[in-house]
Protein backbone atom coordinates (compact mmCIF):
# COMPACT_ATOMS: atom_id res chain seq x y z
CA MET A 1 0.00 0.00 0.00
CA LYS A 2 1.16 3.54 -0.75
CA TYR A 3 0.45 6.46 1.57
CA LYS A 4 0.28 10.23 1.32
CA THR A 5 -0.09 12.98 3.87
CA LEU A 6 -3.57 14.46 4.06
CA GLY A 7 -3.20 17.97 2.69
CA ARG A 8 -0.72 20.03 4.69
CA THR A 9 -1.03 17.81 7.77
CA GLY A 10 1.41 15.15 8.91
CA LEU A 11 -1.34 12.51 8.88
CA LYS A 12 -0.60 9.65 6.48
CA VAL A 13 -3.51 7.97 4.73
CA SER A 14 -3.68 5.24 2.11
CA ARG A 15 -3.85 6.31 -1.55
CA LEU A 16 -7.30 4.77 -1.76
CA CYS A 17 -10.11 5.69 0.62
CA LEU A 18 -12.74 3.07 1.40
CA GLY A 19 -16.15 4.65 0.91
CA THR A 20 -18.91 2.87 2.81
CA MET A 21 -22.05 4.36 1.25
CA ASN A 22 -23.15 0.91 0.07
CA PHE A 23 -22.87 -0.69 3.51
CA GLY A 24 -26.42 -1.41 4.59
CA PRO A 25 -28.51 -0.54 1.54
CA HIS A 26 -26.61 -2.73 -0.94
CA THR A 27 -24.01 -4.67 1.06
CA SER A 28 -24.93 -6.86 4.03
CA GLU A 29 -23.26 -6.36 7.39
CA VAL A 30 -21.42 -9.66 7.05
CA ASP A 31 -20.02 -8.69 3.65
CA SER A 32 -19.27 -5.17 4.89
CA PHE A 33 -17.16 -6.65 7.68
CA LYS A 34 -15.29 -8.80 5.16
CA ILE A 35 -14.53 -5.78 2.98
CA LEU A 36 -13.36 -3.76 5.98
CA ASP A 37 -11.17 -6.64 7.17
CA TYR A 38 -9.66 -7.05 3.71
CA ALA A 39 -8.94 -3.34 3.50
CA LEU A 40 -7.21 -3.34 6.88
CA GLU A 41 -5.21 -6.48 6.12
CA ASN A 42 -3.94 -4.87 2.91
CA GLY A 43 -2.91 -1.56 4.43
CA LEU A 44 -5.90 0.56 3.43
CA ASN A 45 -6.27 2.72 6.54
CA PHE A 46 -8.60 5.48 5.30
CA VAL A 47 -12.32 4.78 5.88
CA ASP A 48 -15.00 7.29 4.94
CA THR A 49 -18.66 7.35 5.90
CA ALA A 50 -21.46 9.84 6.71
CA ASN A 51 -24.26 10.08 9.21
CA VAL A 52 -26.87 10.07 6.41
CA TYR A 53 -25.61 6.86 4.77
CA GLY A 54 -27.85 3.84 5.12
CA GLY A 55 -31.08 4.79 3.42
CA LYS A 56 -33.29 5.57 6.43
CA LYS A 57 -33.44 9.14 7.68
CA GLY A 58 -31.98 9.55 11.13
CA GLU A 59 -30.91 5.91 11.51
CA GLY A 60 -27.21 6.27 10.67
CA THR A 61 -27.26 2.65 9.51
CA THR A 62 -23.83 2.67 7.87
CA GLU A 63 -22.14 4.29 10.85
CA LYS A 64 -23.69 1.63 13.09
CA ILE A 65 -22.25 -1.14 10.90
CA ILE A 66 -18.79 0.41 11.15
CA GLY A 67 -19.28 0.82 14.90
CA ARG A 68 -20.07 -2.85 15.34
CA TRP A 69 -16.98 -3.71 13.26
CA LEU A 70 -14.83 -1.48 15.45
CA LYS A 71 -16.30 -2.99 18.61
CA GLN A 72 -14.63 -6.29 17.76
CA GLY A 73 -11.42 -4.67 18.95
CA GLY A 74 -7.92 -4.12 17.65
CA ARG A 75 -9.07 -1.91 14.79
CA ARG A 76 -9.72 1.66 15.85
CA ASP A 77 -6.11 2.82 16.10
CA LYS A 78 -5.26 1.23 12.76
CA ILE A 79 -7.62 3.38 10.67
CA VAL A 80 -8.20 7.03 9.91
CA LEU A 81 -11.95 7.33 10.41
CA ALA A 82 -13.84 10.02 8.52
CA THR A 83 -17.52 10.88 8.72
CA LYS A 84 -19.72 13.82 7.81
CA CYS A 85 -22.47 16.10 9.10
CA TYR A 86 -24.97 18.47 7.46
CA GLY A 87 -27.63 16.15 6.08
CA GLU A 88 -31.16 15.80 7.44
CA MET A 89 -31.17 13.49 10.47
CA GLY A 90 -34.67 14.10 11.78
CA ASP A 91 -37.87 16.07 11.35
CA GLY A 92 -36.89 18.95 13.60
CA VAL A 93 -36.04 22.36 12.17
CA ASN A 94 -32.51 22.07 13.55
CA ASP A 95 -31.88 18.51 12.44
CA ARG A 96 -29.71 19.52 9.48
CA GLY A 97 -27.22 22.16 8.39
CA LEU A 98 -24.09 23.54 10.01
CA SER A 99 -25.41 25.50 12.96
CA ALA A 100 -23.34 25.07 16.12
CA TYR A 101 -26.41 23.36 17.59
CA HIS A 102 -26.56 20.73 14.83
CA ILE A 103 -22.79 20.22 14.53
CA ARG A 104 -22.55 19.41 18.24
CA LYS A 105 -25.52 17.01 18.23
CA ALA A 106 -24.52 15.37 14.95
CA CYS A 107 -21.01 14.73 16.25
CA GLU A 108 -22.21 13.27 19.55
CA ASP A 109 -24.66 10.99 17.73
CA SER A 110 -22.00 9.81 15.27
CA LEU A 111 -19.61 9.00 18.11
CA ILE A 112 -22.28 6.80 19.71
CA ARG A 113 -23.09 4.98 16.46
CA LEU A 114 -19.42 4.52 15.57
CA LYS A 115 -18.64 3.32 19.10
CA THR A 116 -15.57 5.51 19.37
CA ASP A 117 -14.48 8.51 21.42
CA HIS A 118 -13.14 10.53 18.50
CA ILE A 119 -13.50 11.16 14.77
CA ASP A 120 -10.24 11.60 12.89
CA LEU A 121 -11.67 13.65 10.02
CA TYR A 122 -15.01 15.41 10.52
CA GLN A 123 -16.35 16.71 7.23
CA MET A 124 -19.05 19.21 6.37
CA HIS A 125 -21.11 17.37 3.76
CA HIS A 126 -22.22 20.56 2.00
CA ILE A 127 -21.90 24.30 2.30
CA ASP A 128 -24.48 25.98 4.57
CA ARG A 129 -25.05 29.48 3.22
CA GLN A 130 -27.27 30.38 6.19
CA THR A 131 -24.57 29.91 8.85
CA THR A 132 -21.58 32.19 9.39
CA TRP A 133 -18.02 30.88 9.49
CA ASP A 134 -17.61 32.32 12.97
CA GLU A 135 -20.36 30.02 14.20
CA ILE A 136 -19.10 26.98 12.27
CA TRP A 137 -15.48 27.36 13.35
CA GLN A 138 -16.44 28.04 16.97
CA ALA A 139 -18.34 24.74 17.01
CA MET A 140 -15.51 22.83 15.32
CA GLU A 141 -12.87 24.38 17.59
CA ARG A 142 -14.84 23.20 20.60
CA LEU A 143 -14.97 19.64 19.28
CA VAL A 144 -11.22 19.69 18.64
CA GLN A 145 -10.53 21.07 22.12
CA GLU A 146 -12.65 18.30 23.63
CA GLY A 147 -10.70 15.67 21.67
CA LYS A 148 -13.79 14.48 19.83
CA VAL A 149 -12.48 15.63 16.43
CA LEU A 150 -8.88 15.78 15.19
CA TYR A 151 -9.17 17.35 11.72
CA VAL A 152 -11.92 19.14 9.81
CA GLY A 153 -12.72 18.70 6.12
CA SER A 154 -15.37 19.66 3.62
CA SER A 155 -17.34 18.03 0.83
CA ASN A 156 -19.15 19.47 -2.19
CA PHE A 157 -17.78 22.95 -1.58
CA ALA A 158 -16.95 25.45 -4.31
CA ALA A 159 -13.45 26.90 -4.43
CA ILE A 160 -14.69 30.20 -3.02
CA HIS A 161 -16.03 28.36 0.04
CA VAL A 162 -12.62 26.79 0.67
CA VAL A 163 -11.01 30.23 0.39
CA GLN A 164 -13.56 31.80 2.77
CA ALA A 165 -13.20 28.93 5.24
CA GLN A 166 -9.41 29.15 5.29
CA TYR A 167 -9.35 32.92 5.62
CA GLU A 168 -11.73 32.87 8.58
CA ALA A 169 -9.94 29.94 10.21
CA LYS A 170 -6.58 31.70 9.95
CA ARG A 171 -8.10 34.83 11.44
CA ARG A 172 -9.18 32.75 14.44
CA GLY A 173 -5.84 30.95 14.73
CA PHE A 174 -7.44 27.63 13.76
CA LEU A 175 -6.06 25.00 11.37
CA GLY A 176 -9.18 25.07 9.22
CA LEU A 177 -9.88 22.67 6.38
CA VAL A 178 -7.38 19.92 5.64
CA SER A 179 -9.38 18.15 2.92
CA GLU A 180 -12.18 18.57 0.40
CA GLN A 181 -14.28 15.82 -1.19
CA SER A 182 -15.27 16.76 -4.73
CA LEU A 183 -16.87 15.09 -7.72
CA TYR A 184 -13.86 14.35 -9.92
CA ASN A 185 -13.16 11.81 -12.62
CA LEU A 186 -12.06 11.62 -16.25
CA CYS A 187 -15.55 12.55 -17.45
CA ASP A 188 -16.24 15.26 -14.82
CA ARG A 189 -13.24 17.58 -14.64
CA ASN A 190 -14.81 20.93 -13.73
CA VAL A 191 -12.90 21.05 -10.42
CA GLU A 192 -9.72 21.63 -12.40
CA LEU A 193 -10.87 25.18 -13.09
CA GLU A 194 -10.80 26.47 -9.52
CA MET A 195 -10.99 23.76 -6.85
CA VAL A 196 -7.75 21.99 -7.76
CA PRO A 197 -5.66 25.21 -7.65
CA ALA A 198 -7.43 26.32 -4.45
CA CYS A 199 -6.63 23.00 -2.74
CA ARG A 200 -3.05 23.16 -3.95
CA ASP A 201 -2.47 26.72 -2.75
CA PHE A 202 -4.15 26.25 0.64
CA GLY A 203 -2.69 22.82 1.36
CA VAL A 204 -6.06 21.06 1.25
CA GLY A 205 -6.04 17.41 0.22
CA LEU A 206 -8.47 16.62 -2.60
CA ILE A 207 -10.51 13.44 -2.11
CA PRO A 208 -12.41 12.63 -5.33
CA TRP A 209 -15.78 10.95 -5.05
CA SER A 210 -17.41 9.04 -7.90
CA PRO A 211 -13.99 8.36 -9.47
CA LEU A 212 -15.64 5.99 -11.97
CA GLY A 213 -18.32 8.46 -13.02
CA GLY A 214 -21.04 6.35 -11.44
CA GLY A 215 -19.94 3.35 -13.52
CA LEU A 216 -19.39 5.10 -16.87
CA LEU A 217 -15.63 4.51 -16.57
CA GLY A 218 -15.88 1.00 -15.16
CA GLY A 219 -16.20 -0.96 -18.41
CA ILE A 220 -19.79 -0.48 -19.50
CA VAL A 221 -20.04 -0.84 -23.29
CA ASP A 222 -20.60 -4.60 -23.28
CA LYS A 223 -23.01 -4.27 -20.37
CA SER A 224 -25.17 -1.53 -21.91
CA PRO A 225 -27.87 -3.82 -23.39
CA SER A 226 -28.55 -5.28 -19.93
CA LEU A 227 -28.80 -2.00 -18.00
CA ARG A 228 -31.87 -2.08 -15.76
CA ARG A 229 -34.64 0.50 -15.87
CA LYS A 230 -33.30 2.17 -12.72
CA GLU A 231 -30.07 2.74 -14.63
CA ASP A 232 -31.76 4.78 -17.35
CA ARG A 233 -29.61 7.75 -16.40
CA MET A 234 -26.48 5.70 -16.99
CA GLN A 235 -27.85 4.64 -20.36
CA GLU A 236 -28.37 8.31 -21.20
CA LEU A 237 -24.81 9.14 -20.16
CA LEU A 238 -23.47 6.26 -22.21
CA THR A 239 -25.41 7.43 -25.24
CA LYS A 240 -24.04 10.94 -24.79
CA HIS A 241 -20.43 9.79 -24.34
CA PHE A 242 -20.54 6.57 -26.34
CA ALA A 243 -17.69 7.40 -28.73
CA GLN A 244 -15.48 8.52 -25.83
CA VAL A 245 -16.27 5.46 -23.72
CA GLN A 246 -15.66 3.17 -26.68
CA ASN A 247 -12.26 4.76 -27.36
CA TYR A 248 -11.45 4.68 -23.67
CA GLU A 249 -12.23 1.00 -23.27
CA LYS A 250 -10.26 0.24 -26.43
CA LEU A 251 -7.22 2.00 -24.95
CA CYS A 252 -7.63 0.12 -21.66
CA LYS A 253 -7.79 -3.16 -23.56
CA GLU A 254 -4.56 -2.28 -25.37
CA LEU A 255 -2.96 -1.59 -21.98
CA GLY A 256 -4.25 -4.87 -20.59
CA GLU A 257 -5.88 -3.04 -17.68
CA LYS A 258 -9.46 -2.81 -16.43
CA PRO A 259 -11.11 0.54 -17.25
CA ALA A 260 -11.93 1.16 -13.57
CA ASN A 261 -8.30 0.78 -12.54
CA VAL A 262 -7.09 3.11 -15.28
CA ALA A 263 -9.60 5.73 -14.12
CA LEU A 264 -8.37 5.47 -10.54
CA SER A 265 -4.71 5.52 -11.59
CA TRP A 266 -5.32 8.65 -13.64
CA LEU A 267 -6.61 10.47 -10.55
CA LEU A 268 -3.63 9.30 -8.51
CA HIS A 269 -1.30 11.04 -10.98
CA ASN A 270 -2.63 14.42 -9.84
CA PRO A 271 -0.37 15.65 -6.99
CA VAL A 272 -3.27 17.51 -5.36
CA VAL A 273 -5.28 14.28 -5.03
CA THR A 274 -4.84 12.49 -1.72
CA ALA A 275 -7.04 9.44 -2.24
CA PRO A 276 -9.96 8.66 -4.55
CA ILE A 277 -12.95 7.16 -2.75
CA ILE A 278 -13.79 3.62 -3.84
CA GLY A 279 -17.26 2.38 -2.93
CA PRO A 280 -17.32 -1.40 -3.39
CA ARG A 281 -20.55 -3.32 -3.08
CA THR A 282 -18.78 -6.67 -3.21
CA MET A 283 -15.46 -8.20 -2.23
CA GLU A 284 -14.68 -8.70 -5.92
CA GLN A 285 -14.99 -4.96 -6.53
CA MET A 286 -12.84 -4.29 -3.48
CA VAL A 287 -10.06 -6.58 -4.67
CA ASP A 288 -10.22 -5.16 -8.20
CA SER A 289 -9.93 -1.58 -6.94
CA MET A 290 -6.77 -2.38 -5.01
CA GLN A 291 -5.11 -3.36 -8.27
CA SER A 292 -5.29 0.24 -9.47
CA LEU A 293 -2.32 1.03 -7.24
CA GLN A 294 -0.17 -1.15 -9.47
CA VAL A 295 -1.22 0.48 -12.75
CA LYS A 296 1.45 2.65 -14.33
CA LEU A 297 0.41 5.21 -16.93
CA SER A 298 3.09 6.55 -19.24
CA ASP A 299 3.15 10.14 -20.47
CA ASP A 300 1.96 8.85 -23.84
CA VAL A 301 -1.04 7.12 -22.26
CA LEU A 302 -1.86 10.18 -20.16
CA GLN A 303 -1.87 12.25 -23.35
CA LYS A 304 -4.21 9.78 -25.04
CA LEU A 305 -6.55 9.96 -22.05
CA GLU A 306 -6.46 13.75 -22.31
CA GLU A 307 -7.50 13.50 -25.96
CA ILE A 308 -10.37 11.13 -25.17
CA TRP A 309 -11.55 12.98 -22.07
CA PRO A 310 -10.50 16.64 -22.50
CA GLY A 311 -10.71 18.79 -19.40
CA PRO A 312 -12.00 22.36 -19.11
CA GLY A 313 -8.80 23.75 -20.63
CA GLY A 314 -6.71 24.14 -17.51
CA GLU A 315 -7.14 26.47 -14.58
CA ALA A 316 -9.27 29.60 -14.41
CA PRO A 317 -9.12 32.21 -15.83
CA GLU A 318 -6.71 31.05 -18.53
CA ALA A 319 -9.08 28.20 -19.40
CA TYR A 320 -11.57 30.68 -20.81
CA ALA A 321 -9.81 34.07 -20.98
CA TRP A 322 -6.45 35.47 -22.11
């Protein structure tokens, strides 16, 4: 396993992050335990979840599964545990968002479900435009002082939100954000305009979610006739990008590599990227994803990928202005 420091911190995390959003809704607890065990045995120490994962509002099903896995002992100090707050966890008017009230309650509830006394990386799942940074950072500072949270990250922010967050944190003498989870893959490269340079300049580790474009980059051409009705959106995406996907899969075949592993390896070539989030439903998918760490992409291959999946033209403003 390869490791990288998380942003500007000294914390070392594995180059792949195990996303657990399927644990509960699509993956049984028994199989979830097997995937977690396999990850740990193979050096993957970065585990990501969220209080809203699990399918039932307010239940925190996925966190509970991880908590029961941790309760078996000998595991907690071997992983970097990340979870999130913001999402709707009840019917009350204060059961969502980033108010100090909700941050405190959400953290306490996650600690109970996860059966731990601290969260290594506590992430804001979305920007809350109704809450000031003074209030947010005061709440996060308190959790850090109490030892319940070690680092703070964000998810689904815009670059301007990262800048605002870091400016206000520095003003308060607080470390601020150390990571940002963004939608980023070969097909969706908008973050290269502003988020990638913002993360680089502020020392924020970028953690891409949906690195396979929801399956578009996972080897889908031969599967397209059998896509189920609930995957109509994927069929639409495939129709839109069919020529690109076809060329992409042809290139992967020439390389002798699975499309999913090439997509993950491509992300790992970006020095701003800390660890793409893999979200296996099965042990087979888990094992396959680990192979991406062995894939080597030459400059020639990277150029071919750029031609198949062109980005936004670089960083802003040069991408669209002189």
